[in-house]
N, C-alpha and C. Protein backbone atom coordinates (compact mmCIF):
# COMPACT_ATOMS: atom_id res chain seq x y z
N MET A 1 7.12 -14.07 -17.88
CA MET A 1 9.09 -13.78 -17.70
C MET A 1 9.62 -14.43 -17.55
N LYS A 2 10.82 -14.86 -18.24
CA LYS A 2 11.78 -15.99 -18.27
C LYS A 2 13.14 -15.01 -17.77
N ALA A 3 13.77 -16.39 -17.21
CA ALA A 3 15.09 -16.08 -16.07
C ALA A 3 16.06 -16.03 -17.67
N ARG A 4 17.39 -16.00 -17.37
CA ARG A 4 18.69 -16.03 -18.30
C ARG A 4 18.61 -17.51 -19.13
N SER A 5 18.40 -18.51 -17.98
CA SER A 5 18.35 -19.63 -18.16
C SER A 5 17.25 -20.00 -19.75
N GLY A 6 16.05 -19.43 -19.64
CA GLY A 6 15.18 -20.02 -20.49
C GLY A 6 13.97 -20.30 -19.62
N LYS A 7 14.19 -20.70 -18.27
CA LYS A 7 13.35 -20.94 -17.56
C LYS A 7 12.07 -20.29 -17.13
N PRO A 8 10.87 -20.32 -17.24
CA PRO A 8 10.09 -19.22 -16.54
C PRO A 8 10.12 -19.13 -14.96
N LEU A 9 9.78 -17.61 -14.34
CA LEU A 9 10.06 -17.49 -13.20
C LEU A 9 8.88 -17.49 -12.82
N HIS A 10 8.91 -17.90 -11.48
CA HIS A 10 7.42 -18.07 -10.54
C HIS A 10 7.44 -17.80 -9.42
N TYR A 11 6.77 -17.04 -8.89
CA TYR A 11 6.76 -16.33 -7.46
C TYR A 11 5.33 -16.67 -6.95
N LYS A 12 5.68 -16.62 -5.49
CA LYS A 12 4.63 -17.63 -4.93
C LYS A 12 4.61 -16.60 -3.19
N GLY A 13 3.40 -15.83 -2.72
CA GLY A 13 3.52 -15.38 -1.70
C GLY A 13 2.55 -15.91 -0.70
N GLU A 14 2.62 -15.94 0.28
CA GLU A 14 1.52 -16.10 1.48
C GLU A 14 1.20 -15.13 2.46
N THR A 15 0.55 -15.01 2.79
CA THR A 15 0.11 -13.97 3.79
C THR A 15 -0.59 -14.92 5.36
N ASP A 16 -0.01 -14.23 6.24
CA ASP A 16 -0.99 -14.98 7.55
C ASP A 16 -2.39 -14.74 8.12
N HIS A 17 -3.13 -15.39 8.42
CA HIS A 17 -4.50 -15.31 8.28
C HIS A 17 -5.06 -14.40 9.06
N LEU A 18 -5.75 -13.58 8.88
CA LEU A 18 -6.03 -11.76 9.47
C LEU A 18 -7.12 -12.27 10.22
N PRO A 19 -6.90 -11.70 11.40
CA PRO A 19 -8.17 -11.99 12.35
C PRO A 19 -9.53 -11.85 12.08
N ASP A 20 -9.91 -12.23 12.71
CA ASP A 20 -12.06 -12.03 12.18
C ASP A 20 -12.35 -10.82 12.85
N THR A 21 -11.97 -10.50 14.17
CA THR A 21 -12.41 -8.98 14.44
C THR A 21 -11.74 -7.73 14.19
N ARG A 22 -11.50 -7.91 13.20
CA ARG A 22 -10.53 -6.70 12.28
C ARG A 22 -10.51 -6.43 11.31
N ILE A 23 -10.72 -4.95 10.72
CA ILE A 23 -11.21 -5.06 9.72
C ILE A 23 -10.43 -4.06 9.04
N TYR A 24 -9.80 -4.26 8.11
CA TYR A 24 -8.45 -3.37 7.49
C TYR A 24 -8.82 -2.53 5.88
N LEU A 25 -8.27 -1.31 6.10
CA LEU A 25 -8.63 -0.68 4.87
C LEU A 25 -7.42 -0.06 3.82
N ASN A 26 -7.44 -0.43 2.87
CA ASN A 26 -5.96 -0.20 2.45
C ASN A 26 -6.32 1.07 1.78
N ILE A 27 -5.68 2.14 1.58
CA ILE A 27 -6.20 3.41 0.78
C ILE A 27 -4.44 3.80 -0.17
N LYS A 28 -3.97 2.83 -0.24
CA LYS A 28 -2.71 3.04 -1.46
C LYS A 28 -3.54 3.29 -2.54
N TYR A 29 -4.88 3.25 -3.03
CA TYR A 29 -5.26 2.41 -4.35
C TYR A 29 -6.64 3.86 -4.36
N LEU A 30 -6.34 4.72 -3.67
CA LEU A 30 -7.28 5.57 -3.81
C LEU A 30 -6.86 6.98 -4.42
N ASP A 31 -7.80 7.60 -4.93
CA ASP A 31 -7.67 8.95 -5.30
C ASP A 31 -6.98 9.59 -3.84
N LYS A 32 -5.95 11.04 -4.57
CA LYS A 32 -5.50 11.80 -3.47
C LYS A 32 -7.33 12.83 -3.28
N GLY A 33 -7.32 13.15 -1.93
CA GLY A 33 -8.34 13.54 -1.52
C GLY A 33 -9.11 13.54 -0.07
N ARG A 34 -10.42 14.02 -0.04
CA ARG A 34 -10.69 14.06 1.06
C ARG A 34 -11.52 13.04 1.37
N TYR A 35 -11.71 12.10 2.51
CA TYR A 35 -12.70 10.87 2.76
C TYR A 35 -13.36 10.64 3.83
N GLU A 36 -14.74 10.44 3.64
CA GLU A 36 -15.32 10.01 4.92
C GLU A 36 -15.93 8.75 4.97
N LEU A 37 -15.18 7.89 6.08
CA LEU A 37 -15.95 6.65 6.30
C LEU A 37 -16.82 6.48 7.42
N ASN A 38 -17.90 5.71 7.33
CA ASN A 38 -19.05 5.60 7.86
C ASN A 38 -19.38 4.42 8.13
N ILE A 39 -19.57 4.24 9.63
CA ILE A 39 -19.30 3.11 9.94
C ILE A 39 -20.68 2.58 10.70
N MET A 40 -21.70 1.81 10.03
CA MET A 40 -23.18 1.33 10.45
C MET A 40 -23.16 0.21 10.83
N ASN A 41 -24.14 -0.33 11.96
CA ASN A 41 -24.96 -1.43 12.52
C ASN A 41 -25.85 -1.30 12.48
N LYS A 42 -27.18 -2.26 11.25
CA LYS A 42 -28.21 -1.85 11.52
C LYS A 42 -29.02 -0.60 10.88
N ASN A 43 -28.12 -0.09 10.09
CA ASN A 43 -28.81 1.12 9.33
C ASN A 43 -28.47 2.63 10.64
N LYS A 44 -28.18 2.45 11.59
CA LYS A 44 -27.41 3.15 12.58
C LYS A 44 -26.19 3.40 12.28
N LEU A 45 -25.99 4.74 12.53
CA LEU A 45 -24.54 5.30 12.07
C LEU A 45 -23.84 5.56 13.64
N ILE A 46 -22.58 4.54 13.65
CA ILE A 46 -22.00 4.23 15.01
C ILE A 46 -20.84 5.29 14.91
N LYS A 47 -19.94 5.48 13.75
CA LYS A 47 -19.09 6.20 13.71
C LYS A 47 -18.71 7.09 12.72
N LYS A 48 -18.61 8.10 12.77
CA LYS A 48 -18.10 8.87 11.14
C LYS A 48 -16.47 9.35 11.36
N ILE A 49 -15.65 9.17 10.67
CA ILE A 49 -14.26 9.36 10.26
C ILE A 49 -14.01 9.98 9.16
N HIS A 50 -13.31 11.08 9.24
CA HIS A 50 -12.61 11.90 7.98
C HIS A 50 -11.09 12.13 7.97
N PHE A 51 -10.39 11.28 6.93
CA PHE A 51 -9.01 11.39 6.40
C PHE A 51 -9.00 12.22 5.30
N ASN A 52 -7.22 12.46 5.23
CA ASN A 52 -7.28 13.25 3.80
C ASN A 52 -6.19 11.88 3.23
N LYS A 53 -6.37 11.80 1.95
CA LYS A 53 -5.13 11.15 1.31
C LYS A 53 -4.59 11.70 0.56
N LYS A 54 -3.14 11.61 0.78
CA LYS A 54 -1.94 13.02 0.21
C LYS A 54 -1.14 12.48 -1.08
């Protein structure tokens, strides 16, 4: 993409470092429906969570 002056446009973004002790799940690109999230440790189920993407 070029600006009106003919020079190419360049965009740059930076994010802060995410903490090592947190896990983020971005559901923006998931299809609509019901999901089940299983949290496991050494093949043992720790937590099972259900959520709906509308």
